[in-house]
Every structure is written in C-alpha cells, then in structure tokens.
Amino acid sequence: MKCREIQEKLSAYIDKELNPDQFENITQHMVHCSECSSKLEGLQKVDTVLNNAPLYNVPAKFSKKLMQEIHITSSSTENLKIINLIFAPVTKFFLNFFTLIESLKSFRTATLDEFSDFPPCSMGYIYFNLIDQRK
C-alpha cells in the first residue's frame, strides 16, 4: 500500500474496522514509515481527547428548537440546489478565467527593441526598418 492509501484508512485502523490483512499491512507499514506513523499518532491524540471530553445534557427546549431549525434548513435545501445549478457554472467560469489571467501575468511582452539585432539585408531587418519609417 502507498502512504496516501494508508493515511485514508487510519481512522478505520484506530477504530479497528479493517479486515485482519489490511490491519496487518498498515501495522507493518507504520514500522518503516515515519510520516504515516506521525499522522497516526496525531489522530490517536485527537481520538483520546474526544473520547475523554465531558458529556453535557442539552435542555429539551434547545433540542426542540434545533430540530425545528434543521427542518427549516432541509426544506430550503431544494432552493439551494436550484441556486447551485444556476450559479455553479458561472462561478466555475469566472474562477477559471481569473486563474488564467493571473497565470498570464507572469509572461512579459517582448518589445520591438528586442528584435532590432537582425543582420543587415535579412527579412527581419528589412521589416523592422519599414516599421520604423512609417512612424
């Protein structure tokens, strides 16, 4: 397994939700890979903090109000889907457009002076002399 695949399965590894072969492969990988081992360590610390966090009882009024808000939000989700269908392509267009514009800023435009070193009697020399005469 590659590190990316291992790291995607670390949460399941901690929760022991993997089949025995996957669990063993990840365990063996951890022996040799310091990057994946440190990511596992970080996730284990988060897991420990969350498991040791105190539980609070929520007042019944709060739970009722929360459920009402969830219902209101879920009914307005249809409106959001329609808005998303309309504006997502436009947003994507402008994002790509401005990304392109930003990438073009790194290119510089050549000036005519940069082309002035043509040998005499060459097409470039004649062309640029004609341009200079028209000014």
N, C-alpha and C. Protein backbone atom coordinates (compact mmCIF):
# COMPACT_ATOMS: atom_id res chain seq x y z
N MET A 1 0.84 -1.19 0.00
CA MET A 1 0.00 0.00 0.00
C MET A 1 0.88 1.25 0.00
N LYS A 2 0.37 2.29 -0.65
CA LYS A 2 1.07 3.57 -0.68
C LYS A 2 0.65 4.40 0.53
N CYS A 3 1.47 5.38 0.86
CA CYS A 3 1.19 6.23 2.03
C CYS A 3 -0.19 6.87 1.96
N ARG A 4 -0.58 7.36 0.80
CA ARG A 4 -1.88 8.01 0.66
C ARG A 4 -3.00 7.03 1.01
N GLU A 5 -2.89 5.80 0.54
CA GLU A 5 -3.91 4.78 0.84
C GLU A 5 -3.92 4.46 2.32
N ILE A 6 -2.75 4.38 2.90
CA ILE A 6 -2.64 4.10 4.34
C ILE A 6 -3.31 5.22 5.13
N GLN A 7 -2.98 6.46 4.79
CA GLN A 7 -3.49 7.60 5.54
C GLN A 7 -5.01 7.73 5.43
N GLU A 8 -5.57 7.29 4.31
CA GLU A 8 -7.03 7.31 4.15
C GLU A 8 -7.70 6.30 5.07
N LYS A 9 -6.98 5.27 5.48
CA LYS A 9 -7.56 4.22 6.31
C LYS A 9 -7.19 4.33 7.79
N LEU A 10 -6.48 5.39 8.18
CA LEU A 10 -6.00 5.49 9.56
C LEU A 10 -7.14 5.56 10.57
N SER A 11 -8.20 6.27 10.25
CA SER A 11 -9.33 6.35 11.17
C SER A 11 -9.94 4.96 11.39
N ALA A 12 -10.12 4.22 10.31
CA ALA A 12 -10.65 2.85 10.42
C ALA A 12 -9.66 1.95 11.16
N TYR A 13 -8.38 2.22 11.00
CA TYR A 13 -7.33 1.45 11.69
C TYR A 13 -7.45 1.67 13.20
N ILE A 14 -7.60 2.93 13.61
CA ILE A 14 -7.72 3.24 15.03
C ILE A 14 -8.97 2.59 15.62
N ASP A 15 -10.06 2.62 14.85
CA ASP A 15 -11.34 2.07 15.33
C ASP A 15 -11.44 0.55 15.14
N LYS A 16 -10.37 -0.04 14.62
CA LYS A 16 -10.32 -1.50 14.37
C LYS A 16 -11.48 -1.96 13.48
N GLU A 17 -11.70 -1.20 12.40
CA GLU A 17 -12.77 -1.51 11.46
C GLU A 17 -12.25 -2.17 10.19
N LEU A 18 -10.97 -2.48 10.14
CA LEU A 18 -10.37 -3.08 8.95
C LEU A 18 -10.36 -4.60 9.06
N ASN A 19 -10.26 -5.25 7.90
CA ASN A 19 -10.11 -6.70 7.96
C ASN A 19 -8.69 -7.01 8.44
N PRO A 20 -8.44 -8.22 8.92
CA PRO A 20 -7.13 -8.55 9.51
C PRO A 20 -5.95 -8.31 8.57
N ASP A 21 -6.11 -8.58 7.27
CA ASP A 21 -4.99 -8.37 6.34
C ASP A 21 -4.65 -6.88 6.22
N GLN A 22 -5.67 -6.04 6.08
CA GLN A 22 -5.44 -4.61 5.98
C GLN A 22 -4.80 -4.07 7.26
N PHE A 23 -5.30 -4.55 8.39
CA PHE A 23 -4.77 -4.11 9.68
C PHE A 23 -3.29 -4.47 9.79
N GLU A 24 -2.94 -5.67 9.39
CA GLU A 24 -1.54 -6.12 9.45
C GLU A 24 -0.67 -5.34 8.47
N ASN A 25 -1.16 -5.09 7.27
CA ASN A 25 -0.40 -4.31 6.28
C ASN A 25 -0.09 -2.91 6.81
N ILE A 26 -1.08 -2.28 7.41
CA ILE A 26 -0.86 -0.94 7.94
C ILE A 26 0.09 -0.97 9.12
N THR A 27 -0.05 -1.97 9.98
CA THR A 27 0.86 -2.10 11.12
C THR A 27 2.30 -2.25 10.64
N GLN A 28 2.52 -3.07 9.63
CA GLN A 28 3.87 -3.26 9.08
C GLN A 28 4.38 -1.97 8.44
N HIS A 29 3.50 -1.26 7.76
CA HIS A 29 3.89 -0.01 7.11
C HIS A 29 4.34 1.01 8.16
N MET A 30 3.65 1.05 9.29
CA MET A 30 3.97 2.01 10.35
C MET A 30 5.38 1.80 10.90
N VAL A 31 5.87 0.58 10.85
CA VAL A 31 7.21 0.28 11.36
C VAL A 31 8.26 1.01 10.52
N HIS A 32 8.01 1.16 9.23
CA HIS A 32 9.02 1.70 8.32
C HIS A 32 8.75 3.13 7.87
N CYS A 33 7.56 3.66 8.10
CA CYS A 33 7.21 5.00 7.57
C CYS A 33 6.94 5.98 8.72
N SER A 34 7.86 6.91 8.89
CA SER A 34 7.71 7.89 9.98
C SER A 34 6.58 8.89 9.70
N GLU A 35 6.36 9.22 8.43
CA GLU A 35 5.31 10.17 8.09
C GLU A 35 3.94 9.62 8.47
N CYS A 36 3.66 8.39 8.07
CA CYS A 36 2.36 7.78 8.39
C CYS A 36 2.24 7.54 9.90
N SER A 37 3.34 7.19 10.53
CA SER A 37 3.32 6.97 11.98
C SER A 37 2.98 8.24 12.72
N SER A 38 3.53 9.38 12.27
CA SER A 38 3.23 10.64 12.95
C SER A 38 1.78 11.06 12.71
N LYS A 39 1.25 10.78 11.51
CA LYS A 39 -0.17 11.08 11.25
C LYS A 39 -1.07 10.21 12.13
N LEU A 40 -0.70 8.94 12.28
CA LEU A 40 -1.46 8.05 13.15
C LEU A 40 -1.42 8.55 14.58
N GLU A 41 -0.26 8.98 15.03
CA GLU A 41 -0.11 9.50 16.38
C GLU A 41 -1.01 10.71 16.61
N GLY A 42 -1.04 11.61 15.63
CA GLY A 42 -1.90 12.79 15.73
C GLY A 42 -3.37 12.42 15.81
N LEU A 43 -3.79 11.48 14.98
CA LEU A 43 -5.19 11.04 15.01
C LEU A 43 -5.53 10.36 16.32
N GLN A 44 -4.58 9.60 16.87
CA GLN A 44 -4.81 8.93 18.14
C GLN A 44 -4.96 9.96 19.27
N LYS A 45 -4.20 11.05 19.21
CA LYS A 45 -4.33 12.10 20.22
C LYS A 45 -5.70 12.76 20.13
N VAL A 46 -6.15 13.04 18.92
CA VAL A 46 -7.48 13.62 18.73
C VAL A 46 -8.54 12.66 19.24
N ASP A 47 -8.39 11.40 18.93
CA ASP A 47 -9.34 10.37 19.37
C ASP A 47 -9.40 10.32 20.90
N THR A 48 -8.24 10.40 21.53
CA THR A 48 -8.19 10.37 23.00
C THR A 48 -8.88 11.58 23.59
N VAL A 49 -8.62 12.76 23.04
CA VAL A 49 -9.25 13.98 23.55
C VAL A 49 -10.77 13.89 23.40
N LEU A 50 -11.23 13.42 22.23
CA LEU A 50 -12.68 13.33 22.01
C LEU A 50 -13.32 12.28 22.92
N ASN A 51 -12.64 11.18 23.13
CA ASN A 51 -13.19 10.13 24.00
C ASN A 51 -13.24 10.57 25.45
N ASN A 52 -12.34 11.47 25.85
CA ASN A 52 -12.30 11.93 27.25
C ASN A 52 -13.05 13.23 27.47
N ALA A 53 -13.64 13.78 26.43
CA ALA A 53 -14.39 15.02 26.56
C ALA A 53 -15.64 14.80 27.40
N PRO A 54 -15.96 15.77 28.24
CA PRO A 54 -17.16 15.59 29.08
C PRO A 54 -18.44 15.67 28.23
N LEU A 55 -19.43 14.95 28.67
CA LEU A 55 -20.74 14.97 28.01
C LEU A 55 -21.65 15.93 28.76
N TYR A 56 -22.41 16.71 28.04
CA TYR A 56 -23.33 17.65 28.65
C TYR A 56 -24.74 17.31 28.23
N ASN A 57 -25.67 17.48 29.15
CA ASN A 57 -27.08 17.31 28.83
C ASN A 57 -27.60 18.60 28.24
N VAL A 58 -28.27 18.49 27.14
CA VAL A 58 -28.81 19.65 26.45
C VAL A 58 -30.26 19.82 26.90
N PRO A 59 -30.64 21.07 27.23
CA PRO A 59 -32.04 21.31 27.64
C PRO A 59 -33.01 20.90 26.52
N ALA A 60 -34.17 20.42 26.91
CA ALA A 60 -35.17 19.95 25.96
C ALA A 60 -35.59 21.06 25.00
N LYS A 61 -35.71 22.30 25.49
CA LYS A 61 -36.10 23.42 24.63
C LYS A 61 -35.08 23.62 23.50
N PHE A 62 -33.81 23.48 23.86
CA PHE A 62 -32.75 23.65 22.86
C PHE A 62 -32.87 22.57 21.79
N SER A 63 -33.06 21.32 22.23
CA SER A 63 -33.19 20.21 21.28
C SER A 63 -34.37 20.43 20.34
N LYS A 64 -35.51 20.88 20.89
CA LYS A 64 -36.69 21.12 20.07
C LYS A 64 -36.44 22.23 19.06
N LYS A 65 -35.83 23.32 19.50
CA LYS A 65 -35.53 24.45 18.62
C LYS A 65 -34.54 24.01 17.53
N LEU A 66 -33.55 23.23 17.90
CA LEU A 66 -32.57 22.74 16.94
C LEU A 66 -33.24 21.89 15.87
N MET A 67 -34.12 21.01 16.27
CA MET A 67 -34.82 20.14 15.32
C MET A 67 -35.70 20.97 14.38
N GLN A 68 -36.33 22.03 14.89
CA GLN A 68 -37.12 22.92 14.04
C GLN A 68 -36.22 23.60 13.00
N GLU A 69 -35.07 24.07 13.44
CA GLU A 69 -34.13 24.73 12.52
C GLU A 69 -33.64 23.75 11.45
N ILE A 70 -33.38 22.53 11.86
CA ILE A 70 -32.93 21.51 10.90
C ILE A 70 -34.02 21.27 9.86
N HIS A 71 -35.26 21.22 10.30
CA HIS A 71 -36.37 21.01 9.38
C HIS A 71 -36.49 22.19 8.40
N ILE A 72 -36.38 23.41 8.91
CA ILE A 72 -36.44 24.59 8.05
C ILE A 72 -35.30 24.57 7.05
N THR A 73 -34.12 24.26 7.53
CA THR A 73 -32.95 24.22 6.66
C THR A 73 -33.09 23.14 5.60
N SER A 74 -33.59 21.96 5.97
CA SER A 74 -33.71 20.89 4.98
C SER A 74 -34.75 21.22 3.93
N SER A 75 -35.81 21.97 4.30
CA SER A 75 -36.81 22.34 3.29
C SER A 75 -36.27 23.41 2.34
N SER A 76 -35.34 24.24 2.83
CA SER A 76 -34.76 25.25 1.95
C SER A 76 -33.59 24.69 1.15
N THR A 77 -33.25 23.44 1.39
CA THR A 77 -32.17 22.81 0.64
C THR A 77 -32.51 22.70 -0.84
N GLU A 78 -33.78 22.51 -1.16
CA GLU A 78 -34.20 22.44 -2.56
C GLU A 78 -33.90 23.75 -3.27
N ASN A 79 -34.16 24.86 -2.58
CA ASN A 79 -33.85 26.17 -3.17
C ASN A 79 -32.35 26.30 -3.41
N LEU A 80 -31.55 25.82 -2.46
CA LEU A 80 -30.10 25.88 -2.62
C LEU A 80 -29.63 25.05 -3.80
N LYS A 81 -30.27 23.91 -4.02
CA LYS A 81 -29.89 23.07 -5.17
C LYS A 81 -30.12 23.81 -6.48
N ILE A 82 -31.25 24.50 -6.56
CA ILE A 82 -31.57 25.26 -7.78
C ILE A 82 -30.57 26.39 -7.97
N ILE A 83 -30.29 27.11 -6.90
CA ILE A 83 -29.31 28.21 -6.98
C ILE A 83 -27.95 27.66 -7.38
N ASN A 84 -27.58 26.53 -6.81
CA ASN A 84 -26.30 25.91 -7.14
C ASN A 84 -26.24 25.52 -8.62
N LEU A 85 -27.32 24.98 -9.15
CA LEU A 85 -27.36 24.61 -10.56
C LEU A 85 -27.17 25.82 -11.47
N ILE A 86 -27.69 26.95 -11.03
CA ILE A 86 -27.59 28.17 -11.83
C ILE A 86 -26.21 28.80 -11.71
N PHE A 87 -25.72 28.95 -10.49
CA PHE A 87 -24.52 29.74 -10.28
C PHE A 87 -23.22 28.94 -10.30
N ALA A 88 -23.27 27.64 -10.14
CA ALA A 88 -22.03 26.85 -10.14
C ALA A 88 -21.27 26.99 -11.46
N PRO A 89 -21.93 26.86 -12.61
CA PRO A 89 -21.18 27.02 -13.86
C PRO A 89 -20.60 28.43 -14.03
N VAL A 90 -21.37 29.43 -13.62
CA VAL A 90 -20.89 30.81 -13.74
C VAL A 90 -19.68 31.02 -12.83
N THR A 91 -19.78 30.51 -11.61
CA THR A 91 -18.67 30.63 -10.67
C THR A 91 -17.45 29.92 -11.19
N LYS A 92 -17.65 28.74 -11.74
CA LYS A 92 -16.52 27.97 -12.27
C LYS A 92 -15.87 28.71 -13.44
N PHE A 93 -16.69 29.31 -14.30
CA PHE A 93 -16.16 30.07 -15.42
C PHE A 93 -15.27 31.20 -14.92
N PHE A 94 -15.78 32.02 -13.98
CA PHE A 94 -15.01 33.15 -13.50
C PHE A 94 -13.76 32.71 -12.74
N LEU A 95 -13.86 31.65 -11.99
CA LEU A 95 -12.69 31.14 -11.29
C LEU A 95 -11.60 30.74 -12.29
N ASN A 96 -12.00 30.00 -13.32
CA ASN A 96 -11.03 29.62 -14.35
C ASN A 96 -10.51 30.82 -15.11
N PHE A 97 -11.38 31.78 -15.40
CA PHE A 97 -10.98 32.98 -16.12
C PHE A 97 -9.93 33.76 -15.34
N PHE A 98 -10.18 33.99 -14.05
CA PHE A 98 -9.24 34.77 -13.25
C PHE A 98 -7.96 33.98 -12.99
N THR A 99 -8.06 32.68 -12.90
CA THR A 99 -6.84 31.86 -12.77
C THR A 99 -5.99 32.00 -14.02
N LEU A 100 -6.63 31.99 -15.17
CA LEU A 100 -5.90 32.17 -16.43
C LEU A 100 -5.26 33.54 -16.49
N ILE A 101 -6.00 34.57 -16.12
CA ILE A 101 -5.47 35.93 -16.14
C ILE A 101 -4.26 36.04 -15.21
N GLU A 102 -4.35 35.46 -14.02
CA GLU A 102 -3.24 35.51 -13.08
C GLU A 102 -2.01 34.79 -13.63
N SER A 103 -2.24 33.65 -14.30
CA SER A 103 -1.10 32.91 -14.83
C SER A 103 -0.44 33.66 -15.99
N LEU A 104 -1.22 34.46 -16.72
CA LEU A 104 -0.66 35.22 -17.84
C LEU A 104 0.15 36.42 -17.36
N LYS A 105 -0.07 36.86 -16.14
CA LYS A 105 0.68 38.00 -15.62
C LYS A 105 2.18 37.69 -15.53
N SER A 106 2.52 36.41 -15.41
CA SER A 106 3.93 36.06 -15.28
C SER A 106 4.67 36.15 -16.62
N PHE A 107 3.94 36.14 -17.73
CA PHE A 107 4.56 36.30 -19.04
C PHE A 107 4.76 37.78 -19.31
N ARG A 108 5.89 38.12 -19.92
CA ARG A 108 6.08 39.51 -20.27
C ARG A 108 6.04 39.63 -21.78
N THR A 109 5.60 40.77 -22.24
CA THR A 109 5.51 41.02 -23.67
C THR A 109 6.85 41.53 -24.17
N ALA A 110 7.29 40.99 -25.29
CA ALA A 110 8.55 41.45 -25.89
C ALA A 110 8.33 42.81 -26.55
N THR A 111 9.34 43.66 -26.48
CA THR A 111 9.27 44.95 -27.15
C THR A 111 9.98 44.84 -28.50
N LEU A 112 9.72 45.82 -29.39
CA LEU A 112 10.36 45.79 -30.71
C LEU A 112 11.87 45.94 -30.61
N ASP A 113 12.35 46.62 -29.58
CA ASP A 113 13.79 46.80 -29.41
C ASP A 113 14.51 45.46 -29.26
N GLU A 114 13.82 44.48 -28.72
CA GLU A 114 14.45 43.16 -28.54
C GLU A 114 14.68 42.46 -29.87
N PHE A 115 14.01 42.91 -30.93
CA PHE A 115 14.16 42.28 -32.24
C PHE A 115 15.03 43.11 -33.19
N SER A 116 15.72 44.09 -32.65
CA SER A 116 16.46 45.02 -33.51
C SER A 116 17.84 44.52 -33.92
N ASP A 117 18.25 43.34 -33.51
CA ASP A 117 19.60 42.88 -33.79
C ASP A 117 19.67 41.92 -34.99
N PHE A 118 18.77 42.10 -35.97
CA PHE A 118 18.81 41.26 -37.17
C PHE A 118 20.01 41.65 -38.04
N PRO A 119 20.60 40.68 -38.71
CA PRO A 119 21.70 41.02 -39.62
C PRO A 119 21.19 41.86 -40.79
N PRO A 120 22.02 42.75 -41.32
CA PRO A 120 21.60 43.59 -42.45
C PRO A 120 21.14 42.72 -43.62
N CYS A 121 20.16 43.18 -44.34
CA CYS A 121 19.57 42.52 -45.52
C CYS A 121 18.75 41.28 -45.18
N SER A 122 18.53 40.99 -43.90
CA SER A 122 17.65 39.87 -43.56
C SER A 122 16.21 40.37 -43.61
N MET A 123 15.27 39.45 -43.67
CA MET A 123 13.86 39.83 -43.73
C MET A 123 13.45 40.61 -42.48
N GLY A 124 13.95 40.18 -41.32
CA GLY A 124 13.63 40.89 -40.08
C GLY A 124 14.15 42.30 -40.09
N TYR A 125 15.38 42.48 -40.56
CA TYR A 125 16.00 43.81 -40.64
C TYR A 125 15.18 44.73 -41.55
N ILE A 126 14.82 44.21 -42.71
CA ILE A 126 14.04 45.00 -43.67
C ILE A 126 12.66 45.33 -43.10
N TYR A 127 12.02 44.33 -42.49
CA TYR A 127 10.69 44.53 -41.91
C TYR A 127 10.70 45.61 -40.85
N PHE A 128 11.63 45.49 -39.90
CA PHE A 128 11.66 46.47 -38.81
C PHE A 128 12.11 47.86 -39.28
N ASN A 129 12.90 47.94 -40.35
CA ASN A 129 13.22 49.24 -40.92
C ASN A 129 11.98 49.86 -41.56
N LEU A 130 11.16 49.05 -42.20
CA LEU A 130 9.92 49.56 -42.79
C LEU A 130 8.96 50.06 -41.69
N ILE A 131 8.90 49.34 -40.60
CA ILE A 131 8.04 49.77 -39.49
C ILE A 131 8.53 51.10 -38.95
N ASP A 132 9.84 51.25 -38.78
CA ASP A 132 10.40 52.49 -38.24
C ASP A 132 10.13 53.67 -39.18
N GLN A 133 10.11 53.44 -40.49
CA GLN A 133 9.88 54.52 -41.45
C GLN A 133 8.44 55.00 -41.42
N ARG A 134 7.51 54.16 -41.02
CA ARG A 134 6.09 54.54 -41.02
C ARG A 134 5.75 55.40 -39.82
N LYS A 135 6.60 55.49 -38.83
CA LYS A 135 6.29 56.26 -37.62
C LYS A 135 6.24 57.73 -37.88
